[in-house]
């Protein structure tokens, strides 16, 4: 989730449920960090919007695919309305 959402008191809740603040202005190699979380966890679910945004974008981001491939985990399609 955008790092701007991680402010007090909401940020404490988001981090408590496993939220990860994303700073898109920096190259933080977030894909590798998420893969490491999968490797160090017995059970983990990751929810990603493939477009990288809540608004329509015809070009999907590919990070979710790279995470699944490197962590050897399945991709399950779903939706939230």
N, C-alpha and C. Protein backbone atom coordinates (compact mmCIF):
# COMPACT_ATOMS: atom_id res chain seq x y z
N UNK A 1 0.83 -1.16 0.00
CA UNK A 1 0.00 0.00 0.00
C UNK A 1 0.89 1.25 0.00
N UNK A 2 0.39 2.32 -0.57
CA UNK A 2 1.17 3.55 -0.62
C UNK A 2 1.64 3.96 0.77
N UNK A 3 2.88 4.39 0.85
CA UNK A 3 3.47 4.74 2.15
C UNK A 3 2.71 5.87 2.83
N UNK A 4 2.01 6.68 2.07
CA UNK A 4 1.26 7.80 2.63
C UNK A 4 0.13 7.35 3.56
N UNK A 5 -0.33 6.10 3.44
CA UNK A 5 -1.39 5.58 4.29
C UNK A 5 -0.88 5.11 5.64
N UNK A 6 0.43 5.00 5.80
CA UNK A 6 1.00 4.48 7.04
C UNK A 6 1.31 5.60 8.02
N UNK A 7 0.27 6.30 8.46
CA UNK A 7 0.41 7.35 9.47
C UNK A 7 -0.38 6.92 10.70
N UNK A 8 -0.07 7.51 11.86
CA UNK A 8 -0.74 7.17 13.11
C UNK A 8 -2.17 7.65 13.08
N UNK A 9 -3.12 6.87 13.51
CA UNK A 9 -3.08 5.53 14.07
C UNK A 9 -3.31 4.44 13.03
N UNK A 10 -3.69 4.81 11.81
CA UNK A 10 -3.99 3.81 10.78
C UNK A 10 -2.76 2.97 10.44
N UNK A 11 -1.60 3.59 10.42
CA UNK A 11 -0.37 2.89 10.08
C UNK A 11 -0.07 1.73 11.01
N UNK A 12 -0.34 1.93 12.30
CA UNK A 12 -0.12 0.85 13.28
C UNK A 12 -1.01 -0.35 12.97
N UNK A 13 -2.26 -0.08 12.64
CA UNK A 13 -3.18 -1.17 12.29
C UNK A 13 -2.72 -1.88 11.01
N UNK A 14 -2.37 -1.10 9.98
CA UNK A 14 -1.96 -1.69 8.72
C UNK A 14 -0.71 -2.55 8.88
N UNK A 15 0.26 -2.07 9.64
CA UNK A 15 1.47 -2.87 9.88
C UNK A 15 1.14 -4.10 10.71
N UNK A 16 0.19 -3.96 11.65
CA UNK A 16 -0.21 -5.08 12.50
C UNK A 16 -0.82 -6.23 11.72
N UNK A 17 -1.51 -5.92 10.62
CA UNK A 17 -2.11 -7.00 9.82
C UNK A 17 -1.18 -7.42 8.68
N UNK A 18 0.06 -6.91 8.71
CA UNK A 18 1.05 -7.35 7.73
C UNK A 18 1.22 -6.42 6.55
N UNK A 19 0.65 -5.23 6.62
CA UNK A 19 0.78 -4.27 5.52
C UNK A 19 2.22 -3.84 5.31
N UNK A 20 2.56 -3.59 4.07
CA UNK A 20 3.91 -3.16 3.71
C UNK A 20 3.81 -1.80 3.02
N UNK A 21 4.44 -0.76 3.61
CA UNK A 21 4.41 0.55 2.95
C UNK A 21 5.30 0.54 1.70
N UNK A 22 4.76 1.05 0.61
CA UNK A 22 5.49 1.08 -0.66
C UNK A 22 5.81 2.52 -1.03
N UNK A 23 7.10 2.80 -1.20
CA UNK A 23 7.55 4.10 -1.65
C UNK A 23 7.91 3.97 -3.12
N UNK A 24 7.00 4.36 -4.00
CA UNK A 24 7.21 4.15 -5.43
C UNK A 24 8.21 5.12 -6.04
N UNK A 25 8.62 6.15 -5.27
CA UNK A 25 9.59 7.10 -5.80
C UNK A 25 11.02 6.56 -5.67
N UNK A 26 11.20 5.48 -4.88
CA UNK A 26 12.51 4.87 -4.69
C UNK A 26 12.50 3.46 -5.25
N UNK A 27 13.64 3.02 -5.73
CA UNK A 27 13.79 1.64 -6.17
C UNK A 27 14.20 0.81 -4.95
N UNK A 28 13.21 0.19 -4.29
CA UNK A 28 13.46 -0.54 -3.06
C UNK A 28 13.55 -2.05 -3.26
N UNK A 29 13.47 -2.53 -4.49
CA UNK A 29 13.47 -3.96 -4.80
C UNK A 29 12.42 -4.68 -3.96
N UNK A 30 11.20 -4.13 -4.01
CA UNK A 30 10.09 -4.65 -3.23
C UNK A 30 9.77 -6.10 -3.59
N UNK A 31 9.94 -6.46 -4.85
CA UNK A 31 9.70 -7.84 -5.27
C UNK A 31 10.54 -8.81 -4.45
N UNK A 32 11.81 -8.53 -4.30
CA UNK A 32 12.71 -9.39 -3.54
C UNK A 32 12.32 -9.42 -2.06
N UNK A 33 11.92 -8.29 -1.50
CA UNK A 33 11.50 -8.25 -0.10
C UNK A 33 10.28 -9.14 0.13
N UNK A 34 9.33 -9.12 -0.79
CA UNK A 34 8.13 -9.93 -0.65
C UNK A 34 8.46 -11.41 -0.80
N UNK A 35 9.36 -11.74 -1.73
CA UNK A 35 9.80 -13.14 -1.89
C UNK A 35 10.43 -13.63 -0.59
N UNK A 36 11.24 -12.80 0.05
CA UNK A 36 11.87 -13.17 1.32
C UNK A 36 10.83 -13.40 2.41
N UNK A 37 9.74 -12.60 2.40
CA UNK A 37 8.66 -12.81 3.37
C UNK A 37 7.99 -14.16 3.15
N UNK A 38 7.79 -14.54 1.89
CA UNK A 38 7.21 -15.86 1.60
C UNK A 38 8.13 -16.96 2.12
N UNK A 39 9.42 -16.81 1.89
CA UNK A 39 10.38 -17.85 2.30
C UNK A 39 10.47 -17.98 3.81
N UNK A 40 10.24 -16.90 4.56
CA UNK A 40 10.37 -16.94 6.01
C UNK A 40 9.04 -17.18 6.73
N UNK A 41 7.96 -17.36 5.99
CA UNK A 41 6.64 -17.55 6.60
C UNK A 41 6.10 -18.95 6.31
N UNK A 42 5.41 -19.51 7.30
CA UNK A 42 4.74 -20.79 7.10
C UNK A 42 3.46 -20.61 6.30
N UNK A 43 2.81 -19.47 6.50
CA UNK A 43 1.54 -19.19 5.84
C UNK A 43 1.49 -17.70 5.52
N UNK A 44 1.21 -17.38 4.27
CA UNK A 44 1.19 -15.97 3.86
C UNK A 44 0.27 -15.81 2.66
N UNK A 45 -0.57 -14.80 2.71
CA UNK A 45 -1.42 -14.45 1.58
C UNK A 45 -1.05 -13.04 1.15
N UNK A 46 -0.91 -12.83 -0.13
CA UNK A 46 -0.54 -11.52 -0.67
C UNK A 46 -1.62 -11.08 -1.64
N UNK A 47 -2.14 -9.89 -1.42
CA UNK A 47 -3.16 -9.33 -2.30
C UNK A 47 -2.53 -8.18 -3.06
N UNK A 48 -2.58 -8.24 -4.39
CA UNK A 48 -1.95 -7.24 -5.24
C UNK A 48 -2.93 -6.84 -6.33
N UNK A 49 -3.02 -5.55 -6.61
CA UNK A 49 -3.78 -5.13 -7.78
C UNK A 49 -2.82 -5.14 -8.95
N UNK A 50 -3.01 -6.03 -9.93
CA UNK A 50 -2.06 -6.18 -11.03
C UNK A 50 -1.84 -4.90 -11.84
N UNK A 51 -2.82 -4.02 -11.85
CA UNK A 51 -2.63 -2.77 -12.58
C UNK A 51 -1.75 -1.81 -11.80
N UNK A 52 -1.53 -2.08 -10.51
CA UNK A 52 -0.71 -1.20 -9.68
C UNK A 52 -1.47 0.03 -9.21
N UNK A 53 -2.76 0.06 -9.44
CA UNK A 53 -3.59 1.20 -9.06
C UNK A 53 -5.03 0.74 -8.93
N UNK A 54 -5.86 1.55 -8.31
CA UNK A 54 -7.28 1.20 -8.21
C UNK A 54 -8.05 1.64 -9.44
N UNK A 55 -7.50 2.52 -10.24
CA UNK A 55 -8.19 2.98 -11.44
C UNK A 55 -7.76 2.13 -12.64
N UNK A 56 -8.55 2.17 -13.70
CA UNK A 56 -8.29 1.35 -14.88
C UNK A 56 -6.96 1.70 -15.54
N UNK A 57 -6.24 0.67 -15.90
CA UNK A 57 -4.99 0.80 -16.63
C UNK A 57 -4.89 -0.43 -17.53
N UNK A 58 -4.83 -0.28 -18.85
CA UNK A 58 -4.82 -1.44 -19.74
C UNK A 58 -3.53 -2.28 -19.64
N UNK A 59 -2.47 -1.72 -19.07
CA UNK A 59 -1.19 -2.43 -18.98
C UNK A 59 -0.95 -2.87 -17.54
N UNK A 60 -1.01 -4.18 -17.30
CA UNK A 60 -0.77 -4.71 -15.97
C UNK A 60 0.71 -4.58 -15.61
N UNK A 61 0.98 -4.32 -14.33
CA UNK A 61 2.34 -4.39 -13.81
C UNK A 61 2.71 -5.87 -13.72
N UNK A 62 3.99 -6.18 -13.76
CA UNK A 62 4.40 -7.59 -13.78
C UNK A 62 5.01 -8.07 -12.46
N UNK A 63 5.09 -7.21 -11.46
CA UNK A 63 5.71 -7.58 -10.19
C UNK A 63 5.05 -8.77 -9.53
N UNK A 64 3.71 -8.84 -9.58
CA UNK A 64 3.01 -9.97 -8.96
C UNK A 64 3.43 -11.29 -9.58
N UNK A 65 3.66 -11.29 -10.89
CA UNK A 65 4.09 -12.52 -11.58
C UNK A 65 5.51 -12.91 -11.14
N UNK A 66 6.40 -11.93 -11.08
CA UNK A 66 7.78 -12.20 -10.68
C UNK A 66 7.85 -12.70 -9.23
N UNK A 67 7.01 -12.14 -8.36
CA UNK A 67 6.96 -12.61 -6.97
C UNK A 67 6.54 -14.07 -6.93
N UNK A 68 5.45 -14.40 -7.62
CA UNK A 68 4.94 -15.77 -7.63
C UNK A 68 5.97 -16.74 -8.20
N UNK A 69 6.63 -16.34 -9.25
CA UNK A 69 7.62 -17.22 -9.89
C UNK A 69 8.81 -17.46 -8.97
N UNK A 70 9.36 -16.39 -8.38
CA UNK A 70 10.55 -16.53 -7.52
C UNK A 70 10.24 -17.23 -6.21
N UNK A 71 9.04 -17.01 -5.66
CA UNK A 71 8.67 -17.62 -4.38
C UNK A 71 8.04 -19.00 -4.57
N UNK A 72 7.81 -19.38 -5.82
CA UNK A 72 7.21 -20.68 -6.13
C UNK A 72 5.83 -20.83 -5.47
N UNK A 73 5.00 -19.82 -5.65
CA UNK A 73 3.64 -19.83 -5.11
C UNK A 73 2.65 -19.61 -6.25
N UNK A 74 1.41 -20.12 -6.10
CA UNK A 74 0.42 -19.97 -7.17
C UNK A 74 -0.15 -18.57 -7.23
N UNK A 75 -0.67 -18.23 -8.39
CA UNK A 75 -1.43 -16.99 -8.59
C UNK A 75 -2.90 -17.39 -8.65
N UNK A 76 -3.70 -16.76 -7.81
CA UNK A 76 -5.14 -17.03 -7.78
C UNK A 76 -5.85 -15.73 -8.12
N UNK A 77 -6.69 -15.78 -9.14
CA UNK A 77 -7.41 -14.58 -9.54
C UNK A 77 -8.65 -14.40 -8.67
N UNK A 78 -8.96 -13.16 -8.37
CA UNK A 78 -10.14 -12.85 -7.58
C UNK A 78 -10.52 -11.39 -7.82
N UNK A 79 -11.58 -10.96 -7.16
CA UNK A 79 -11.97 -9.56 -7.30
C UNK A 79 -12.61 -9.07 -6.02
N UNK A 80 -12.59 -7.79 -5.86
CA UNK A 80 -13.23 -7.13 -4.73
C UNK A 80 -14.02 -5.97 -5.30
N UNK A 81 -15.29 -5.94 -4.98
CA UNK A 81 -16.14 -4.89 -5.54
C UNK A 81 -16.66 -4.02 -4.42
